[in-house]
Amino acid sequence: MEEGVETTMKLDRWGYPIRTTSDACIAAINACYEQLLVFGRNRAVILDATRHDPTCALANVLAAHFLASQDSAKAASFLSAAASSIEGASSYEKAVFQALSCLLGDGKDEYVALDRHFQLLKEYPKDLASLKRAQGLCFYMGRPDLSLNLVEQVMPHNQDQDYVYGMLAFPLLELGRMSEAEMAARKGFELNKNDPWSQHCLCHVLQYECHFKEAVSFMESCSSSWKSCSSFMYTHNWWHVALCYLEGHAPLGKVLEVYDNHIWKELERSDAVPAEVYLNALGLFLRIYVRGYMESVEDRFTSLANAFKNKAVWHLEWLLDLLGLWALASSKNTHKANELLMSMKSRFHSMSKEKQHTMQKGILLAEAIYEYGCGNYRKVFDKLGPDFQAIEFRVVGASEEQIDVFNEVWYDVLLKIGCVSKAITEIENQIKKKGESPFLWRMLEKACILEGKEYAHIAGEKAKYLETAYFP
């Protein structure tokens, strides 16, 4: 405890002092931590903390952060309340306030915020909620290396904490260190079988290794624990299941069953967040489109594309805007798609120079995916150039699995504009990485046929074998 204020300090979940006399305030703060770690649906519980103690600096700044994307005026009010109480707060609260305040208001700066989170976690390494926030910043910067640095910094102090292992696994898998990622994910799952992030990371590894049937069985066995997850986490884990069915060449009906019952149906919940559902729905449908199955899902896709005409879901996630651009353009809503693209460009030009430098690839991909949706395949090639690699574009806020669909788009474009030799080289390189993918082998067969290569027969036989290997 800090000297002189013992009677007004209580310890939070991490054992760090918070200036409050309210046990209920501390309980709500701890509940907020838990919701963040489990991707829970009830992050609004932090508002209970401010009701129980309106003068608690930590409660107020956490409330401001929670409301920042929903109600900027209320967020500003809570931030002001936190600032007015910060002088008498604990040093821990002051560190959190400093780290979060530069993510709020007109002067927000993610780079400064990340630096302050590094400093915060050096002093208070048990604060896994701040670790989770900092890793989120790294994700949207496309920097899994920094995310790994953060979690490795705090690991010696959290060896017995379950959630930390999922947070270790994710940057490892994003850096291609799959065996280490699997070990970390399995450790997290062993400690807490209901941790959706450890489950999700293990699925990533299995999916990357083309163990589609094993991934589906594992995730479906865990699915009952997702009911209290946010719209994003709930539909994202089911997105992985649907993707494994799709990549494993299961009947399309299995994919659509997951989509209908566990992704689109999420919108029926009164507390659903539509944008979080659309992100996963669109990511699935773009893959379906590349595989040539759109005739079978036209009604579903029309409903999804029409939902993105609503500007309320624009600019919440850069990846969501990209997918929405494609959906609007490919469903012949070209005017609306162009409006979204222009709005994205306007948003880009209002960014700081540093942020613009980071997001140049985001704008480039936006222009390309708009042309792809319009069917202007040569323009896509001209935008992206001959050396496109999707992994270099994850600054749009995408995992390697999420961004990989743009590799598939790229191969499709190369074939459509007649760059067949280039397509063969790119597909063969991807096969070296994910050799047991039926779709890649079938695409290679198609390319070899166009090129007149005898190897087409071998590729076709391999594709045929794999198409019945996972879900016979």
Protein backbone atom coordinates (compact mmCIF):
# COMPACT_ATOMS: atom_id res chain seq x y z
CA MET A 1 0.00 0.00 0.00
CA GLU A 2 1.13 3.55 -0.64
CA GLU A 3 2.08 5.43 2.51
CA GLY A 4 -0.61 7.57 4.09
CA VAL A 5 -3.61 6.31 2.12
CA GLU A 6 -4.00 2.73 3.35
CA THR A 7 -7.58 3.26 4.52
CA THR A 8 -8.78 4.36 1.07
CA MET A 9 -6.92 1.76 -0.98
CA LYS A 10 -8.20 -1.64 -2.05
CA LEU A 11 -6.41 -4.26 -4.13
CA ASP A 12 -7.66 -5.30 -7.55
CA ARG A 13 -7.41 -8.73 -9.15
CA TRP A 14 -3.72 -8.24 -9.92
CA GLY A 15 -2.90 -7.18 -6.35
CA TYR A 16 -2.40 -3.52 -7.32
CA PRO A 17 -3.83 -0.67 -5.19
CA ILE A 18 -6.89 1.30 -6.30
CA ARG A 19 -8.07 4.39 -4.41
CA THR A 20 -11.65 3.63 -3.43
CA THR A 21 -13.62 2.70 -0.35
CA SER A 22 -16.13 0.64 -2.36
CA ASP A 23 -15.85 -3.14 -2.52
CA ALA A 24 -18.52 -3.09 -5.21
CA CYS A 25 -16.39 -0.74 -7.32
CA ILE A 26 -13.41 -3.11 -7.11
CA ALA A 27 -15.65 -6.08 -7.94
CA ALA A 28 -16.91 -4.32 -11.08
CA ILE A 29 -13.36 -3.40 -12.13
CA ASN A 30 -12.30 -7.03 -11.71
CA ALA A 31 -15.35 -8.15 -13.69
CA CYS A 32 -14.30 -5.73 -16.44
CA TYR A 33 -10.84 -7.32 -16.54
CA GLU A 34 -12.42 -10.75 -16.89
CA GLN A 35 -14.72 -9.61 -19.70
CA LEU A 36 -11.75 -8.24 -21.61
CA LEU A 37 -9.74 -11.44 -21.22
CA VAL A 38 -12.57 -13.75 -22.29
CA PHE A 39 -13.94 -11.49 -25.06
CA GLY A 40 -17.13 -11.28 -23.02
CA ARG A 41 -20.41 -9.64 -23.98
CA ASN A 42 -20.67 -7.56 -20.82
CA ARG A 43 -17.78 -5.11 -20.92
CA ALA A 44 -20.31 -2.46 -19.92
CA VAL A 45 -19.92 -3.81 -16.38
CA ILE A 46 -17.22 -1.14 -15.92
CA LEU A 47 -20.01 1.45 -15.77
CA ASP A 48 -21.16 -0.24 -12.55
CA ALA A 49 -17.79 0.62 -11.04
CA THR A 50 -18.31 4.32 -11.75
CA ARG A 51 -21.77 4.22 -10.19
CA HIS A 52 -20.44 2.61 -7.03
CA ASP A 53 -17.63 5.17 -6.80
CA PRO A 54 -17.86 8.18 -9.15
CA THR A 55 -14.51 9.43 -7.84
CA CYS A 56 -12.47 6.33 -8.67
CA ALA A 57 -9.90 7.39 -11.28
CA LEU A 58 -9.30 3.89 -12.63
CA ALA A 59 -13.01 3.14 -12.99
CA ASN A 60 -13.55 6.38 -14.86
CA VAL A 61 -10.67 6.01 -17.31
CA LEU A 62 -11.63 2.40 -18.05
CA ALA A 63 -15.21 3.55 -18.65
CA ALA A 64 -13.95 6.29 -20.98
CA HIS A 65 -11.98 3.73 -22.97
CA PHE A 66 -14.97 1.40 -23.18
CA LEU A 67 -17.25 4.17 -24.47
CA ALA A 68 -14.75 5.80 -26.83
CA SER A 69 -16.05 4.11 -29.98
CA GLN A 70 -19.71 4.32 -28.96
CA ASP A 71 -20.31 7.75 -27.43
CA SER A 72 -17.45 10.24 -27.60
CA ALA A 73 -19.24 12.81 -25.42
CA LYS A 74 -19.79 10.34 -22.57
CA ALA A 75 -16.24 9.06 -22.96
CA ALA A 76 -14.93 12.61 -22.63
CA SER A 77 -17.01 13.09 -19.49
CA PHE A 78 -15.56 9.97 -17.86
CA LEU A 79 -12.04 10.94 -18.91
CA SER A 80 -12.55 14.35 -17.29
CA ALA A 81 -13.77 12.68 -14.11
CA ALA A 82 -10.69 10.46 -14.09
CA ALA A 83 -8.41 13.47 -14.58
CA SER A 84 -10.02 15.33 -11.71
CA SER A 85 -9.34 12.39 -9.36
CA ILE A 86 -5.95 11.32 -10.64
CA GLU A 87 -3.83 13.39 -8.24
CA GLY A 88 -4.97 11.33 -5.27
CA ALA A 89 -4.89 8.00 -7.13
CA SER A 90 -2.30 5.25 -6.73
CA SER A 91 0.79 5.17 -8.91
CA TYR A 92 -0.69 2.13 -10.68
CA GLU A 93 -3.86 4.04 -11.55
CA LYS A 94 -1.76 6.94 -12.79
CA ALA A 95 0.19 4.60 -15.07
CA VAL A 96 -3.03 3.14 -16.54
CA PHE A 97 -4.46 6.64 -16.94
CA GLN A 98 -1.36 7.78 -18.83
CA ALA A 99 -1.46 4.71 -21.08
CA LEU A 100 -5.17 5.03 -21.89
CA SER A 101 -5.55 8.81 -22.10
CA CYS A 102 -3.56 8.99 -25.35
CA LEU A 103 -6.05 6.57 -26.92
CA LEU A 104 -8.93 8.95 -26.22
CA GLY A 105 -10.04 12.27 -27.66
CA ASP A 106 -8.75 14.26 -30.59
CA GLY A 107 -5.09 13.88 -29.70
CA LYS A 108 -4.99 10.10 -29.59
CA ASP A 109 -1.73 8.50 -30.64
CA GLU A 110 -1.46 4.71 -30.79
CA TYR A 111 2.33 4.80 -30.95
CA VAL A 112 2.66 6.82 -27.76
CA ALA A 113 0.01 4.61 -26.16
CA LEU A 114 1.96 1.47 -27.00
CA ASP A 115 5.15 2.93 -25.55
CA ARG A 116 3.29 3.82 -22.36
CA HIS A 117 1.85 0.31 -22.15
CA PHE A 118 5.38 -1.11 -22.37
CA GLN A 119 6.37 1.12 -19.44
CA LEU A 120 3.23 0.26 -17.51
CA LEU A 121 3.83 -3.46 -17.88
CA LYS A 122 7.45 -3.13 -16.76
CA GLU A 123 6.23 -1.71 -13.46
CA TYR A 124 3.02 -3.73 -13.18
CA PRO A 125 3.60 -7.00 -15.05
CA LYS A 126 0.61 -8.83 -13.56
CA ASP A 127 -1.87 -6.51 -15.31
CA LEU A 128 -3.05 -8.87 -18.04
CA ALA A 129 -5.87 -6.53 -19.04
CA SER A 130 -3.34 -3.88 -20.04
CA LEU A 131 -1.34 -6.57 -21.82
CA LYS A 132 -4.45 -7.50 -23.80
CA ARG A 133 -5.04 -3.87 -24.78
CA ALA A 134 -1.40 -3.41 -25.79
CA GLN A 135 -1.47 -6.53 -27.92
CA GLY A 136 -4.55 -5.12 -29.64
CA LEU A 137 -2.54 -2.02 -30.54
CA CYS A 138 0.22 -4.22 -31.96
CA PHE A 139 -2.33 -6.19 -33.99
CA TYR A 140 -3.66 -3.08 -35.72
CA MET A 141 -0.11 -1.95 -36.42
CA GLY A 142 0.70 -5.29 -38.02
CA ARG A 143 3.47 -5.87 -35.47
CA PRO A 144 3.28 -9.38 -33.96
CA ASP A 145 6.97 -9.01 -33.04
CA LEU A 146 6.13 -6.21 -30.59
CA SER A 147 3.16 -8.19 -29.31
CA LEU A 148 5.48 -11.08 -28.53
CA ASN A 149 7.96 -8.74 -26.82
CA LEU A 150 5.17 -7.53 -24.55
CA VAL A 151 4.01 -10.94 -23.43
CA GLU A 152 7.56 -12.27 -23.00
CA GLN A 153 8.27 -9.25 -20.80
CA VAL A 154 5.54 -10.23 -18.33
CA MET A 155 5.72 -14.05 -18.57
CA PRO A 156 8.13 -14.54 -15.63
CA HIS A 157 5.51 -12.95 -13.37
CA ASN A 158 2.52 -14.89 -14.75
CA GLN A 159 3.59 -18.51 -15.12
CA ASP A 160 0.50 -19.74 -13.27
CA GLN A 161 -2.00 -17.53 -15.11
CA ASP A 162 -4.13 -19.29 -17.71
CA TYR A 163 -5.04 -16.41 -20.04
CA VAL A 164 -1.44 -15.37 -20.61
CA TYR A 165 -0.71 -18.50 -22.65
CA GLY A 166 -3.25 -17.68 -25.32
CA MET A 167 -1.74 -14.19 -25.45
CA LEU A 168 1.67 -15.84 -25.93
CA ALA A 169 0.39 -18.25 -28.58
CA PHE A 170 -1.14 -15.68 -30.91
CA PRO A 171 1.96 -13.60 -31.79
CA LEU A 172 3.98 -16.81 -32.05
CA LEU A 173 1.65 -18.21 -34.70
CA GLU A 174 1.54 -14.86 -36.50
CA LEU A 175 5.35 -15.04 -36.67
CA GLY A 176 5.20 -18.55 -38.12
CA ARG A 177 6.52 -20.24 -34.97
CA MET A 178 3.80 -22.85 -35.08
CA SER A 179 5.23 -25.53 -32.80
CA GLU A 180 5.81 -22.99 -30.03
CA ALA A 181 2.37 -21.50 -30.62
CA GLU A 182 0.79 -24.92 -30.31
CA MET A 183 2.59 -25.61 -27.04
CA ALA A 184 1.44 -22.28 -25.59
CA ALA A 185 -2.16 -22.73 -26.78
CA ARG A 186 -2.34 -26.25 -25.37
CA LYS A 187 -0.93 -25.01 -22.06
CA GLY A 188 -3.58 -22.30 -21.90
CA PHE A 189 -6.30 -24.80 -22.77
CA GLU A 190 -4.98 -27.22 -20.17
CA LEU A 191 -5.21 -24.54 -17.49
CA ASN A 192 -8.61 -23.27 -18.61
CA LYS A 193 -10.64 -25.27 -21.10
CA ASN A 194 -13.10 -22.37 -21.45
CA ASP A 195 -10.54 -19.79 -22.59
CA PRO A 196 -11.78 -18.87 -26.09
CA TRP A 197 -8.47 -17.31 -27.11
CA SER A 198 -6.41 -20.43 -26.35
CA GLN A 199 -9.04 -22.49 -28.19
CA HIS A 200 -8.88 -20.07 -31.11
CA CYS A 201 -5.07 -20.12 -31.27
CA LEU A 202 -4.97 -23.91 -31.27
CA CYS A 203 -7.48 -23.92 -34.11
CA HIS A 204 -5.24 -21.50 -36.03
CA VAL A 205 -2.34 -23.95 -35.75
CA LEU A 206 -4.42 -26.96 -36.80
CA GLN A 207 -5.89 -25.01 -39.71
CA TYR A 208 -2.47 -23.82 -40.86
CA GLU A 209 -1.29 -27.43 -40.84
CA CYS A 210 -4.38 -28.47 -42.85
CA HIS A 211 -5.69 -30.67 -40.03
CA PHE A 212 -9.18 -29.52 -40.90
CA LYS A 213 -11.19 -32.41 -39.48
CA GLU A 214 -9.27 -32.32 -36.19
CA ALA A 215 -9.77 -28.55 -35.98
CA VAL A 216 -13.52 -28.85 -36.56
CA SER A 217 -13.90 -31.61 -33.96
CA PHE A 218 -11.90 -29.63 -31.41
CA MET A 219 -13.74 -26.37 -31.95
CA GLU A 220 -17.20 -27.92 -32.00
CA SER A 221 -16.38 -29.67 -28.71
CA CYS A 222 -15.52 -26.25 -27.24
CA SER A 223 -18.44 -24.33 -28.76
CA SER A 224 -20.76 -24.49 -25.73
CA SER A 225 -18.29 -22.21 -23.91
CA TRP A 226 -18.69 -19.44 -26.52
CA LYS A 227 -22.26 -18.45 -25.69
CA SER A 228 -21.15 -15.64 -23.38
CA CYS A 229 -18.55 -14.34 -25.85
CA SER A 230 -18.89 -11.07 -27.74
CA SER A 231 -20.42 -11.10 -31.21
CA PHE A 232 -16.92 -10.95 -32.66
CA MET A 233 -15.43 -13.85 -30.70
CA TYR A 234 -18.53 -16.02 -31.00
CA THR A 235 -18.83 -15.62 -34.77
CA HIS A 236 -15.06 -15.61 -35.30
CA ASN A 237 -14.60 -19.01 -33.69
CA TRP A 238 -17.50 -20.31 -35.79
CA TRP A 239 -15.89 -18.62 -38.82
CA HIS A 240 -12.86 -20.80 -38.24
CA VAL A 241 -15.10 -23.88 -38.15
CA ALA A 242 -16.82 -22.86 -41.39
CA LEU A 243 -13.45 -22.15 -43.00
CA CYS A 244 -12.11 -25.57 -42.02
CA TYR A 245 -15.14 -27.20 -43.62
CA LEU A 246 -14.63 -25.07 -46.73
CA GLU A 247 -10.87 -25.62 -46.99
CA GLY A 248 -11.29 -29.31 -46.27
CA HIS A 249 -13.76 -29.56 -49.18
CA ALA A 250 -16.71 -30.60 -47.05
CA PRO A 251 -20.11 -30.29 -48.77
CA LEU A 252 -21.02 -26.62 -49.05
CA GLY A 253 -24.10 -27.38 -46.97
CA LYS A 254 -21.87 -27.92 -43.91
CA VAL A 255 -20.34 -24.47 -44.40
CA LEU A 256 -23.75 -22.84 -44.80
CA GLU A 257 -25.12 -24.68 -41.79
CA VAL A 258 -22.46 -23.01 -39.66
CA TYR A 259 -23.10 -19.66 -41.33
CA ASP A 260 -26.88 -19.79 -40.90
CA ASN A 261 -26.96 -21.14 -37.35
CA HIS A 262 -23.92 -19.55 -35.74
CA ILE A 263 -22.87 -16.47 -37.72
CA TRP A 264 -25.87 -14.80 -39.35
CA LYS A 265 -28.19 -15.95 -36.57
CA GLU A 266 -26.11 -14.03 -34.05
CA LEU A 267 -27.85 -10.90 -35.35
CA GLU A 268 -31.08 -12.12 -33.71
CA ARG A 269 -29.60 -11.53 -30.26
CA SER A 270 -30.64 -8.27 -28.66
CA ASP A 271 -27.07 -7.53 -27.59
CA ALA A 272 -25.46 -8.44 -30.92
CA VAL A 273 -22.96 -6.05 -32.50
CA PRO A 274 -23.76 -6.25 -36.24
CA ALA A 275 -20.37 -5.01 -37.49
CA GLU A 276 -18.60 -7.81 -35.62
CA VAL A 277 -20.88 -10.33 -37.32
CA TYR A 278 -20.42 -8.81 -40.77
CA LEU A 279 -16.63 -8.99 -40.45
CA ASN A 280 -16.68 -12.76 -40.13
CA ALA A 281 -19.57 -13.26 -42.55
CA LEU A 282 -17.86 -11.26 -45.31
CA GLY A 283 -14.53 -12.97 -44.71
CA LEU A 284 -16.24 -16.30 -45.31
CA PHE A 285 -18.14 -15.18 -48.39
CA LEU A 286 -15.08 -13.79 -50.14
CA ARG A 287 -13.53 -17.24 -49.93
CA ILE A 288 -16.73 -18.79 -51.22
CA TYR A 289 -16.64 -16.32 -54.11
CA VAL A 290 -13.06 -17.15 -55.08
CA ARG A 291 -13.97 -20.84 -55.12
CA GLY A 292 -16.82 -20.20 -57.55
CA TYR A 293 -19.72 -21.19 -55.30
CA MET A 294 -21.65 -17.91 -55.31
CA GLU A 295 -24.63 -19.19 -57.30
CA SER A 296 -25.48 -21.45 -54.37
CA VAL A 297 -25.43 -18.59 -51.84
CA GLU A 298 -26.77 -15.65 -53.86
CA ASP A 299 -29.71 -14.83 -51.54
CA ARG A 300 -27.54 -14.95 -48.45
CA PHE A 301 -24.88 -12.80 -50.05
CA THR A 302 -27.41 -10.21 -51.25
CA SER A 303 -28.69 -9.82 -47.68
CA LEU A 304 -25.14 -9.44 -46.40
CA ALA A 305 -24.11 -6.93 -49.06
CA ASN A 306 -27.26 -4.87 -48.51
CA ALA A 307 -26.48 -4.70 -44.80
CA PHE A 308 -23.26 -2.91 -45.66
CA LYS A 309 -25.13 -0.07 -47.34
CA ASN A 310 -25.70 1.19 -43.80
CA LYS A 311 -22.98 3.77 -43.13
CA ALA A 312 -23.20 3.09 -39.41
CA VAL A 313 -20.97 0.03 -39.95
CA TRP A 314 -18.38 1.89 -42.01
CA HIS A 315 -14.94 2.78 -40.61
CA LEU A 316 -15.17 0.62 -37.51
CA GLU A 317 -12.49 -1.76 -38.77
CA TRP A 318 -10.27 -1.28 -41.82
CA LEU A 319 -10.56 -4.96 -42.73
CA LEU A 320 -14.36 -4.71 -42.49
CA ASP A 321 -14.31 -1.72 -44.87
CA LEU A 322 -12.20 -3.71 -47.34
CA LEU A 323 -14.56 -6.66 -47.28
CA GLY A 324 -17.56 -4.34 -47.48
CA LEU A 325 -16.05 -2.64 -50.54
CA TRP A 326 -15.79 -5.97 -52.30
CA ALA A 327 -19.33 -6.98 -51.29
CA LEU A 328 -20.89 -3.73 -52.49
CA ALA A 329 -18.95 -3.69 -55.76
CA SER A 330 -19.52 -7.35 -56.61
CA SER A 331 -23.26 -7.08 -55.85
CA LYS A 332 -23.55 -4.23 -58.39
CA ASN A 333 -23.89 -1.54 -55.72
CA THR A 334 -21.05 0.26 -57.47
CA HIS A 335 -22.13 3.77 -56.52
CA LYS A 336 -22.25 2.85 -52.83
CA ALA A 337 -18.93 1.03 -53.10
CA ASN A 338 -17.31 4.08 -54.66
CA GLU A 339 -18.77 6.26 -51.91
CA LEU A 340 -17.21 4.00 -49.30
CA LEU A 341 -13.86 4.04 -51.09
CA MET A 342 -13.86 7.83 -51.28
CA SER A 343 -14.73 8.01 -47.60
CA MET A 344 -11.83 5.68 -46.78
CA LYS A 345 -9.48 7.90 -48.77
CA SER A 346 -10.75 10.99 -46.98
CA ARG A 347 -10.19 9.27 -43.67
CA PHE A 348 -6.67 8.30 -44.77
CA HIS A 349 -5.78 11.89 -45.69
CA SER A 350 -6.91 13.12 -42.27
CA MET A 351 -4.43 10.79 -40.52
CA SER A 352 -1.10 11.92 -39.14
CA LYS A 353 1.88 11.58 -41.50
CA GLU A 354 3.17 8.65 -39.45
CA LYS A 355 -0.20 6.90 -39.61
CA GLN A 356 -0.52 7.62 -43.34
CA HIS A 357 2.85 6.00 -43.94
CA THR A 358 1.66 2.90 -42.08
CA MET A 359 -1.71 2.74 -43.83
CA GLN A 360 -0.54 3.31 -47.43
CA LYS A 361 -0.87 -0.41 -48.04
CA GLY A 362 -4.39 -0.29 -46.63
CA ILE A 363 -5.47 2.30 -49.21
CA LEU A 364 -3.73 0.39 -52.00
CA LEU A 365 -5.56 -2.81 -51.06
CA ALA A 366 -8.84 -0.90 -50.84
CA GLU A 367 -8.44 0.38 -54.39
CA ALA A 368 -7.54 -3.09 -55.62
CA ILE A 369 -10.40 -4.91 -53.90
CA TYR A 370 -12.86 -2.33 -55.24
CA GLU A 371 -11.67 -3.08 -58.79
CA TYR A 372 -11.82 -6.82 -58.08
CA GLY A 373 -15.45 -6.50 -57.02
CA CYS A 374 -16.17 -4.55 -60.21
CA GLY A 375 -14.51 -7.26 -62.31
CA ASN A 376 -11.66 -5.03 -63.48
CA TYR A 377 -8.96 -7.65 -63.02
CA ARG A 378 -6.21 -5.90 -65.01
CA LYS A 379 -6.66 -2.83 -62.80
CA VAL A 380 -6.22 -5.04 -59.74
CA PHE A 381 -2.90 -6.24 -61.10
CA ASP A 382 -1.83 -2.71 -61.98
CA LYS A 383 -2.63 -1.55 -58.43
CA LEU A 384 -0.88 -4.36 -56.60
CA GLY A 385 2.03 -4.91 -58.97
CA PRO A 386 3.65 -8.26 -59.78
CA ASP A 387 5.08 -9.03 -56.33
CA PHE A 388 1.98 -8.90 -54.12
CA GLN A 389 2.16 -10.84 -50.84
CA ALA A 390 -0.88 -10.53 -48.61
CA ILE A 391 1.09 -10.95 -45.39
CA GLU A 392 2.70 -7.55 -46.03
CA PHE A 393 -0.76 -5.94 -45.74
CA ARG A 394 -1.83 -7.13 -42.30
CA VAL A 395 -1.59 -3.55 -41.06
CA VAL A 396 -5.28 -3.44 -42.11
CA GLY A 397 -6.00 -5.30 -38.85
CA ALA A 398 -5.98 -8.93 -39.91
CA SER A 399 -4.43 -12.15 -38.74
CA GLU A 400 -2.46 -14.22 -41.25
CA GLU A 401 -5.51 -16.45 -41.70
CA GLN A 402 -7.79 -13.46 -42.32
CA ILE A 403 -5.40 -11.77 -44.75
CA ASP A 404 -4.69 -14.99 -46.66
CA VAL A 405 -7.93 -14.66 -48.62
CA PHE A 406 -6.29 -11.80 -50.53
CA ASN A 407 -3.63 -14.25 -51.71
CA GLU A 408 -6.47 -16.35 -53.11
CA VAL A 409 -7.90 -13.24 -54.78
CA TRP A 410 -4.44 -12.56 -56.25
CA TYR A 411 -4.14 -16.06 -57.76
CA ASP A 412 -7.62 -15.68 -59.23
CA VAL A 413 -6.67 -12.34 -60.77
CA LEU A 414 -3.46 -13.74 -62.29
CA LEU A 415 -5.39 -16.54 -63.97
CA LYS A 416 -8.12 -14.22 -65.22
CA ILE A 417 -5.67 -11.81 -66.89
CA GLY A 418 -3.55 -14.58 -68.42
CA CYS A 419 -0.48 -14.36 -66.18
CA VAL A 420 -0.54 -18.13 -65.90
CA SER A 421 3.16 -18.80 -65.38
CA LYS A 422 3.22 -16.22 -62.59
CA ALA A 423 0.13 -17.83 -61.05
CA ILE A 424 1.75 -21.27 -61.14
CA THR A 425 4.84 -19.95 -59.36
CA GLU A 426 2.78 -18.20 -56.68
CA ILE A 427 0.48 -21.17 -56.10
CA GLU A 428 3.40 -23.60 -55.94
CA ASN A 429 5.08 -21.39 -53.34
CA GLN A 430 1.91 -21.39 -51.27
CA ILE A 431 1.61 -25.17 -51.59
CA LYS A 432 5.09 -25.50 -50.11
CA LYS A 433 3.69 -23.67 -47.11
CA LYS A 434 0.24 -25.32 -46.94
CA GLY A 435 0.72 -28.45 -49.01
CA GLU A 436 -2.43 -30.32 -48.12
CA SER A 437 -4.97 -27.73 -49.27
CA PRO A 438 -7.40 -29.20 -51.83
CA PHE A 439 -8.24 -25.73 -53.17
CA LEU A 440 -4.62 -24.85 -53.90
CA TRP A 441 -4.02 -28.11 -55.74
CA ARG A 442 -7.21 -27.66 -57.76
CA MET A 443 -6.17 -24.11 -58.64
CA LEU A 444 -2.73 -25.38 -59.64
CA GLU A 445 -4.38 -27.96 -61.90
CA LYS A 446 -6.43 -25.22 -63.55
CA ALA A 447 -3.34 -23.08 -64.11
CA CYS A 448 -1.35 -26.01 -65.54
CA ILE A 449 -4.17 -26.84 -67.95
CA LEU A 450 -4.17 -23.24 -69.18
CA GLU A 451 -0.40 -23.41 -69.59
CA GLY A 452 -0.55 -26.81 -71.30
CA LYS A 453 1.63 -28.47 -68.69
CA GLU A 454 1.54 -32.24 -68.24
CA TYR A 455 1.84 -31.65 -64.50
CA ALA A 456 -1.88 -30.74 -64.57
CA HIS A 457 -2.76 -34.43 -64.29
CA ILE A 458 -0.64 -34.91 -61.15
CA ALA A 459 -2.09 -31.76 -59.57
CA GLY A 460 -5.61 -32.93 -60.38
CA GLU A 461 -5.04 -36.34 -58.84
CA LYS A 462 -3.61 -34.74 -55.70
CA ALA A 463 -6.61 -32.41 -55.49
CA LYS A 464 -9.03 -35.30 -55.98
CA TYR A 465 -7.35 -37.30 -53.22
CA LEU A 466 -7.40 -34.39 -50.76
CA GLU A 467 -11.01 -33.53 -51.57
CA THR A 468 -12.08 -36.83 -50.05
CA ALA A 469 -9.38 -37.06 -47.35
CA TYR A 470 -10.84 -34.75 -44.70
CA PHE A 471 -14.62 -35.04 -44.91
CA PRO A 472 -15.37 -38.13 -47.02
